[in-house]
Protein backbone atom coordinates (compact mmCIF):
# COMPACT_ATOMS: atom_id res chain seq x y z
CA MET A 1 -0.01 0.00 0.00
CA SER A 2 1.42 3.49 -0.97
CA ILE A 3 1.94 6.20 1.76
CA SER A 4 -0.87 8.05 0.20
CA ASP A 5 -3.33 5.21 0.54
CA LYS A 6 -2.11 4.47 4.05
CA ILE A 7 -2.64 8.00 5.27
CA ASP A 8 -6.07 8.31 3.51
CA ASN A 9 -7.21 5.11 5.30
CA LEU A 10 -5.90 6.40 8.64
CA LEU A 11 -7.82 9.66 8.24
CA ILE A 12 -10.98 7.86 7.32
CA LYS A 13 -10.57 5.66 10.36
CA ALA A 14 -9.92 8.79 12.51
CA GLU A 15 -12.86 10.72 11.21
CA ILE A 16 -15.45 7.92 11.93
CA GLY A 17 -14.10 7.60 15.46
CA ARG A 18 -12.37 4.22 15.24
CA ASN A 19 -9.57 3.74 17.70
CA LEU A 20 -6.17 4.94 16.67
CA THR A 21 -3.24 2.85 17.76
CA ARG A 22 0.17 4.25 18.85
CA THR A 23 1.50 3.22 15.38
CA ASP A 24 -1.34 5.11 13.70
CA ILE A 25 -0.69 8.23 15.74
CA ILE A 26 2.99 8.08 14.96
CA ALA A 27 2.18 7.56 11.20
CA LEU A 28 -0.04 10.74 11.28
CA LEU A 29 2.66 12.80 13.07
CA LYS A 30 5.37 11.64 10.65
CA ALA A 31 3.33 11.97 7.39
CA PRO A 32 5.06 14.09 4.75
CA GLY A 33 4.21 17.81 4.95
CA ASP A 34 1.86 17.63 2.00
CA TYR A 35 -0.66 15.76 4.20
CA SER A 36 -0.90 18.55 6.90
CA THR A 37 -3.84 20.24 5.15
CA ASP A 38 -5.78 16.94 4.88
CA ILE A 39 -5.08 16.18 8.66
CA PHE A 40 -6.13 19.66 9.68
CA ASP A 41 -9.36 19.44 7.55
CA VAL A 42 -10.45 16.14 9.02
CA ALA A 43 -9.72 17.45 12.58
CA ASP A 44 -11.87 20.48 11.77
CA ARG A 45 -14.71 18.36 10.57
CA VAL A 46 -14.58 16.25 13.73
CA ARG A 47 -14.51 19.43 15.87
CA ARG A 48 -17.56 20.80 14.02
CA GLN A 49 -19.51 17.55 14.37
CA GLN A 50 -18.56 16.99 18.07
CA MET A 51 -18.41 20.64 19.41
CA GLY A 52 -20.39 22.73 16.87
CA ASN A 53 -19.07 25.97 15.24
CA GLU A 54 -18.91 28.06 18.33
CA ILE A 55 -15.69 29.20 20.14
CA PHE A 56 -15.68 29.39 23.91
CA LEU A 57 -13.77 32.07 25.86
CA ARG A 58 -11.90 31.82 29.21
CA GLY A 59 -10.45 34.84 30.81
CA ILE A 60 -7.00 34.57 32.35
CA ILE A 61 -5.68 36.33 35.42
CA GLU A 62 -1.87 35.81 35.89
CA PHE A 63 -1.85 36.76 39.49
CA SER A 64 1.74 35.87 40.54
CA ASN A 65 5.02 35.40 38.62
CA TYR A 66 6.89 34.00 41.56
CA CYS A 67 7.82 30.37 41.07
CA GLU A 68 9.63 27.88 43.25
CA ARG A 69 10.55 25.63 40.33
CA ASN A 70 13.65 25.92 38.13
CA CYS A 71 12.40 24.59 34.72
CA LEU A 72 15.09 24.93 32.05
CA TYR A 73 12.88 26.84 29.60
CA CYS A 74 10.61 29.13 31.63
CA GLY A 75 11.23 32.76 32.27
CA LEU A 76 9.48 32.51 35.66
CA ARG A 77 12.06 30.00 36.96
CA LYS A 78 13.27 30.65 40.39
CA SER A 79 16.90 31.46 39.34
CA ASN A 80 15.90 34.16 36.84
CA SER A 81 17.05 37.13 38.84
CA SER A 82 16.41 39.53 36.08
CA LEU A 83 12.65 39.10 36.21
CA SER A 84 10.70 41.81 38.06
CA ARG A 85 8.45 39.74 40.30
CA TYR A 86 4.87 40.61 41.39
CA ARG A 87 1.99 39.26 43.33
CA MET A 88 -1.43 40.77 42.79
CA THR A 89 -3.37 41.73 45.85
CA GLU A 90 -6.64 39.99 46.58
CA ASP A 91 -8.51 43.22 45.84
CA GLU A 92 -6.84 43.44 42.46
CA ILE A 93 -7.67 39.92 41.63
CA ILE A 94 -11.31 40.34 42.61
CA ALA A 95 -11.53 43.63 40.65
CA THR A 96 -10.14 41.87 37.58
CA ALA A 97 -12.54 38.96 37.88
CA LYS A 98 -15.42 41.59 37.97
CA GLN A 99 -13.98 43.01 34.79
CA ILE A 100 -14.12 39.57 33.08
CA LYS A 101 -17.69 39.17 34.22
CA LYS A 102 -18.58 42.60 32.67
CA THR A 103 -17.32 41.46 29.27
CA GLY A 104 -19.65 38.41 29.37
CA VAL A 105 -16.75 35.89 29.45
CA PRO A 106 -18.18 33.14 31.82
CA THR A 107 -14.89 31.57 33.11
CA VAL A 108 -11.93 32.98 34.99
CA VAL A 109 -8.61 31.03 34.92
CA LEU A 110 -6.49 31.97 37.91
CA GLN A 111 -2.94 31.15 36.87
CA SER A 112 0.50 31.65 38.59
CA GLY A 113 3.85 30.18 39.06
CA GLU A 114 4.18 27.47 41.87
CA ASP A 115 4.04 30.14 44.65
CA SER A 116 3.43 28.88 48.19
CA PHE A 117 2.79 32.41 49.40
CA PHE A 118 -0.66 31.78 47.98
CA SER A 119 -1.54 29.08 50.62
CA THR A 120 -4.56 26.82 50.34
CA ASP A 121 -6.47 29.13 52.65
CA ARG A 122 -5.61 32.15 50.64
CA ILE A 123 -6.60 30.56 47.32
CA CYS A 124 -9.91 29.10 48.88
CA ARG A 125 -10.64 32.61 50.16
CA LEU A 126 -10.11 34.02 46.68
CA ILE A 127 -12.28 31.34 45.08
CA GLU A 128 -15.24 31.99 47.58
CA GLN A 129 -15.03 35.72 47.06
CA ILE A 130 -14.94 35.48 43.23
CA LYS A 131 -17.81 33.01 43.32
CA ASN A 132 -19.89 35.14 45.58
CA GLU A 133 -19.30 38.44 43.78
CA THR A 134 -19.32 37.26 40.15
CA GLY A 135 -20.73 33.76 39.85
CA LEU A 136 -17.92 32.94 37.34
CA VAL A 137 -16.85 29.42 36.66
CA ILE A 138 -13.40 29.12 38.18
CA THR A 139 -10.40 27.35 36.76
CA LEU A 140 -7.18 27.05 38.64
CA SER A 141 -3.73 26.70 37.18
CA VAL A 142 -1.42 26.92 40.23
CA GLY A 143 0.77 23.74 39.75
CA GLU A 144 1.06 20.62 41.84
CA ARG A 145 -0.87 20.55 45.21
CA SER A 146 -1.89 17.69 47.49
CA ALA A 147 -5.13 15.78 47.03
CA SER A 148 -6.49 17.40 50.13
CA ASP A 149 -5.64 20.89 48.64
CA PHE A 150 -7.57 20.05 45.60
CA GLN A 151 -10.54 18.85 47.61
CA SER A 152 -10.44 22.14 49.59
CA PHE A 153 -10.37 24.14 46.27
CA GLN A 154 -13.36 22.20 45.05
CA GLN A 155 -15.30 22.73 48.29
CA ALA A 156 -14.54 26.46 48.05
CA GLY A 157 -16.12 26.52 44.57
CA ALA A 158 -13.48 25.82 41.98
CA ASN A 159 -14.85 23.92 38.95
CA ARG A 160 -11.80 23.23 36.77
CA TYR A 161 -8.06 22.68 37.09
CA LEU A 162 -5.43 22.94 34.46
CA LEU A 163 -2.13 21.06 35.05
CA LYS A 164 -0.08 20.42 31.87
CA HIS A 165 1.97 17.24 32.05
CA GLU A 166 4.45 18.89 29.53
CA THR A 167 5.89 15.58 28.28
CA ALA A 168 5.00 11.90 28.67
CA SER A 169 8.64 10.87 28.82
CA PRO A 170 9.88 10.53 32.45
CA GLU A 171 13.47 11.13 31.46
CA LEU A 172 12.75 14.26 29.38
CA TYR A 173 10.38 15.58 32.12
CA LYS A 174 13.13 15.10 34.79
CA TYR A 175 15.69 16.88 32.53
CA ILE A 176 13.61 19.98 31.68
CA ARG A 177 12.10 20.28 35.18
CA PRO A 178 14.97 19.60 37.62
CA GLY A 179 13.89 18.04 40.86
CA CYS A 180 10.39 17.19 39.50
CA HIS A 181 8.98 13.74 38.76
CA LEU A 182 6.35 12.83 36.14
CA ASP A 183 4.67 10.27 38.23
CA LYS A 184 3.83 12.85 40.87
CA ARG A 185 2.41 15.22 38.21
CA MET A 186 0.31 12.28 36.79
CA GLN A 187 -0.90 11.36 40.24
CA CYS A 188 -2.09 14.94 40.68
CA LEU A 189 -4.11 14.69 37.45
CA ARG A 190 -5.58 11.38 38.59
CA SER A 191 -6.61 12.95 41.88
CA LEU A 192 -8.29 15.85 40.08
CA LYS A 193 -10.21 13.43 37.80
CA HIS A 194 -11.33 11.33 40.79
CA LEU A 195 -12.66 14.52 42.57
CA GLY A 196 -14.73 15.25 39.50
CA PHE A 197 -12.90 18.44 38.43
CA GLU A 198 -13.04 19.31 34.77
CA THR A 199 -9.35 18.49 34.26
CA GLY A 200 -6.97 19.99 31.76
CA THR A 201 -3.59 18.74 30.81
CA GLY A 202 -1.40 19.23 27.79
CA ASN A 203 2.20 19.33 26.37
CA MET A 204 4.95 21.33 24.65
CA VAL A 205 5.71 20.49 21.15
CA GLY A 206 9.34 20.92 19.91
CA LEU A 207 11.32 20.22 23.14
CA PRO A 208 15.03 19.33 22.70
CA GLY A 209 15.21 15.53 22.63
CA GLN A 210 11.54 14.99 21.93
CA THR A 211 10.64 12.34 19.36
CA MET A 212 7.42 11.59 17.44
CA GLU A 213 7.11 8.53 19.64
CA ILE A 214 7.17 10.69 22.73
CA LEU A 215 4.51 12.99 21.24
CA ALA A 216 2.42 9.95 20.45
CA ASP A 217 2.70 8.91 24.16
CA ASP A 218 1.52 12.49 25.08
CA LEU A 219 -1.59 12.10 23.06
CA ILE A 220 -2.33 8.57 24.35
CA PHE A 221 -1.90 9.86 27.94
CA MET A 222 -4.46 12.71 27.21
CA LYS A 223 -6.82 10.11 25.85
CA GLN A 224 -6.39 7.58 28.70
CA LEU A 225 -6.79 10.29 31.37
CA ASP A 226 -9.98 11.30 29.61
CA ALA A 227 -8.87 14.93 30.06
CA ASP A 228 -11.51 17.55 29.48
CA MET A 229 -9.23 20.28 28.27
CA LEU A 230 -5.97 20.04 26.33
CA GLY A 231 -3.44 22.92 26.31
CA ILE A 232 -0.99 22.12 23.47
CA GLY A 233 1.56 24.72 22.64
CA PRO A 234 5.01 25.09 21.03
CA PHE A 235 8.16 25.02 23.03
CA ILE A 236 9.58 28.53 23.19
CA ALA A 237 12.73 29.02 25.28
CA HIS A 238 13.13 32.19 27.25
CA PRO A 239 16.44 34.00 26.70
CA ASP A 240 17.14 34.17 30.54
CA THR A 241 17.17 30.38 30.90
CA PRO A 242 19.54 27.46 30.24
CA PHE A 243 17.63 26.67 27.02
CA ALA A 244 18.25 30.26 25.67
CA GLY A 245 19.04 30.12 21.88
CA ILE A 246 17.35 26.76 21.26
CA ASP A 247 14.88 27.81 18.42
CA ASN A 248 11.58 26.20 17.54
CA ASP A 249 9.86 27.69 14.50
CA ASP A 250 7.85 24.46 13.59
CA ILE A 251 4.35 25.68 14.01
CA GLU A 252 3.15 22.97 11.62
CA LEU A 253 4.04 20.07 14.06
CA THR A 254 2.26 21.86 16.94
CA LEU A 255 -0.82 22.19 14.74
CA ARG A 256 -0.56 18.67 13.75
CA VAL A 257 -0.49 17.48 17.50
CA VAL A 258 -3.60 19.71 18.08
CA ALA A 259 -5.35 18.06 15.12
CA VAL A 260 -4.45 14.53 16.20
CA ALA A 261 -5.61 15.36 19.80
CA ARG A 262 -9.00 16.36 18.35
CA LEU A 263 -9.19 13.13 16.38
CA LEU A 264 -8.33 11.01 19.36
CA THR A 265 -10.35 12.75 22.12
CA ARG A 266 -13.31 13.92 20.11
CA ASN A 267 -15.25 16.18 22.51
CA THR A 268 -12.52 17.84 24.56
CA ASN A 269 -12.09 21.62 24.84
CA ILE A 270 -8.85 22.57 23.11
CA PRO A 271 -7.60 26.10 23.35
CA ALA A 272 -5.80 27.85 20.52
CA THR A 273 -2.89 28.92 22.70
CA THR A 274 -1.37 32.43 22.73
CA ALA A 275 2.08 30.83 22.27
CA LEU A 276 1.07 29.80 18.70
CA ALA A 277 0.45 33.49 17.85
CA THR A 278 4.15 34.08 18.88
CA LEU A 279 5.34 31.69 16.24
CA HIS A 280 2.93 32.94 13.53
CA PRO A 281 0.73 36.07 13.27
CA GLN A 282 -2.27 33.77 12.41
CA GLY A 283 -1.21 30.99 14.76
CA ARG A 284 -4.32 31.19 16.85
CA LEU A 285 -6.70 31.15 13.75
CA LEU A 286 -4.74 28.27 12.21
CA ALA A 287 -5.29 26.28 15.46
CA LEU A 288 -9.05 27.05 15.32
CA GLN A 289 -9.01 25.45 11.80
CA ALA A 290 -7.07 22.43 12.93
CA GLY A 291 -9.34 21.26 15.81
CA ALA A 292 -9.15 23.90 18.46
CA ASN A 293 -12.36 25.50 19.87
CA VAL A 294 -11.35 27.71 22.84
CA VAL A 295 -9.54 31.15 23.10
CA MET A 296 -8.23 32.47 26.39
CA PRO A 297 -7.90 36.28 26.36
CA ASP A 298 -5.59 37.66 29.07
CA PHE A 299 -7.12 40.10 31.55
CA THR A 300 -4.11 40.44 33.76
CA PRO A 301 -3.78 44.25 34.46
CA GLU A 302 -1.42 46.10 32.18
CA ILE A 303 1.08 46.86 34.90
CA TYR A 304 1.74 43.16 35.39
CA LYS A 305 1.01 41.50 32.04
CA SER A 306 4.44 41.97 30.45
CA ARG A 307 6.05 40.65 33.67
CA TYR A 308 4.43 37.28 33.41
CA ASP A 309 7.25 36.56 31.14
CA ILE A 310 7.15 32.76 30.64
CA TYR A 311 8.50 32.94 27.02
CA PRO A 312 9.65 35.87 24.80
CA GLY A 313 7.36 37.61 22.36
CA LYS A 314 4.02 37.23 24.07
CA THR A 315 1.58 38.73 21.67
CA ASP A 316 -1.47 39.17 23.82
CA THR A 317 -0.44 42.57 25.33
CA ASN A 318 -3.50 44.57 24.29
CA PRO A 319 -6.32 45.15 26.80
CA ALA A 320 -8.55 42.01 26.87
CA GLU A 321 -11.58 43.89 25.69
CA GLU A 322 -9.72 44.96 22.46
CA THR A 323 -8.51 41.38 22.12
CA ILE A 324 -12.09 40.10 22.17
CA GLU A 325 -13.28 42.67 19.63
CA LYS A 326 -10.47 41.64 17.24
CA LEU A 327 -11.25 37.91 17.93
CA LYS A 328 -14.87 38.43 16.96
CA SER A 329 -13.94 39.78 13.51
CA ASP A 330 -11.14 37.12 12.99
CA ILE A 331 -13.43 34.36 13.99
CA GLN A 332 -16.16 35.59 11.65
CA SER A 333 -13.58 35.47 8.90
CA ILE A 334 -13.41 31.70 9.21
CA GLY A 335 -17.13 31.13 9.55
CA ARG A 336 -17.29 30.70 13.32
CA THR A 337 -18.91 32.61 16.21
CA ILE A 338 -18.13 33.30 19.88
CA ASN A 339 -20.28 31.58 22.41
CA PHE A 340 -20.45 33.34 25.78
CA SER A 341 -21.77 30.28 27.61
CA VAL A 342 -19.75 28.17 30.05
CA GLY A 343 -18.90 25.44 27.49
CA ASN A 344 -18.70 22.46 29.90
CA ARG A 345 -17.47 19.17 28.53
CA GLN A 346 -19.89 16.48 29.18
CA ILE A 347 -18.17 14.50 31.92
CA ARG A 348 -18.41 10.70 31.90
CA PRO A 349 -17.48 8.60 34.99
CA TYR A 350 -13.69 8.40 35.32
CA GLN A 351 -12.45 4.87 34.76
CA GLY A 352 -8.79 5.48 35.53
CA ILE A 353 -5.77 4.98 33.29
CA THR A 354 -5.32 1.65 31.70
CA HIS A 355 -2.07 0.67 29.93
């Protein structure tokens, strides 16, 4: 069978929802560049059939750029002494959540480095206040915490939790995140699923030492976890980190991973990440045409926004209201509309991870 026939058969199999094996996933990731458009088109059709033509919004507040980790690629790493650090006050965070509510965006994502200054009690107090004063759906993205912390967050009113696993290779994970262990990360994700959180994970594409086989394992993990949201973005090294100077301009591979994630997981919420727009001016729109269905405008106040410096060239520096207006016209240009509803994924009982 020719490569062309093999890929065509794989795409038919994927579109109708048949199970893709690890070998199938690797074949789609490794297919010659000419097949990218076909892969994106099939993923886009599956997205339309499973999720409709509407794009959901989540409003991000990056409330602290302190981090106790020393990841080799991230500008927030503890050892980066050139970063101007900040922590938003509780009043500032609440005021920003109210601003999100005013725009009609129904979900707030509270995101920070791994910063133990924001204790469990402090975060619970924030959750309760935001819930009481805005009624917004609350997503947390504050790193690894204990199962009892997750339970406290849930009891306080948090609905969703985003914890990207970054890579499914234990060796690569340990290398890029010194002192961290993948099994602990995955245990956190399992705890979140067991508690009934809408759970998000995701990976970076283009990491040094990453192979197509590792990317296939990332995708299989996302499927086996039955993750509700998938944050898939390109690896972009910050200049003030050990990975400075390692370039990644392969937006096509990131888009391909987004597309295969849609084919595998069917009805997950997949954001078109801001990092994609850093690699390509139309990066976000390209992802929305390759299987993505969520956009996350950044509401972090202007005085802090540029200091949440995870990677260089963050493009989402305009006020969030302007970003939303521009999004509306961009999204109309590809025949889609913004939906200001909560956009829950229909959660099925968690069965655990099987190997």
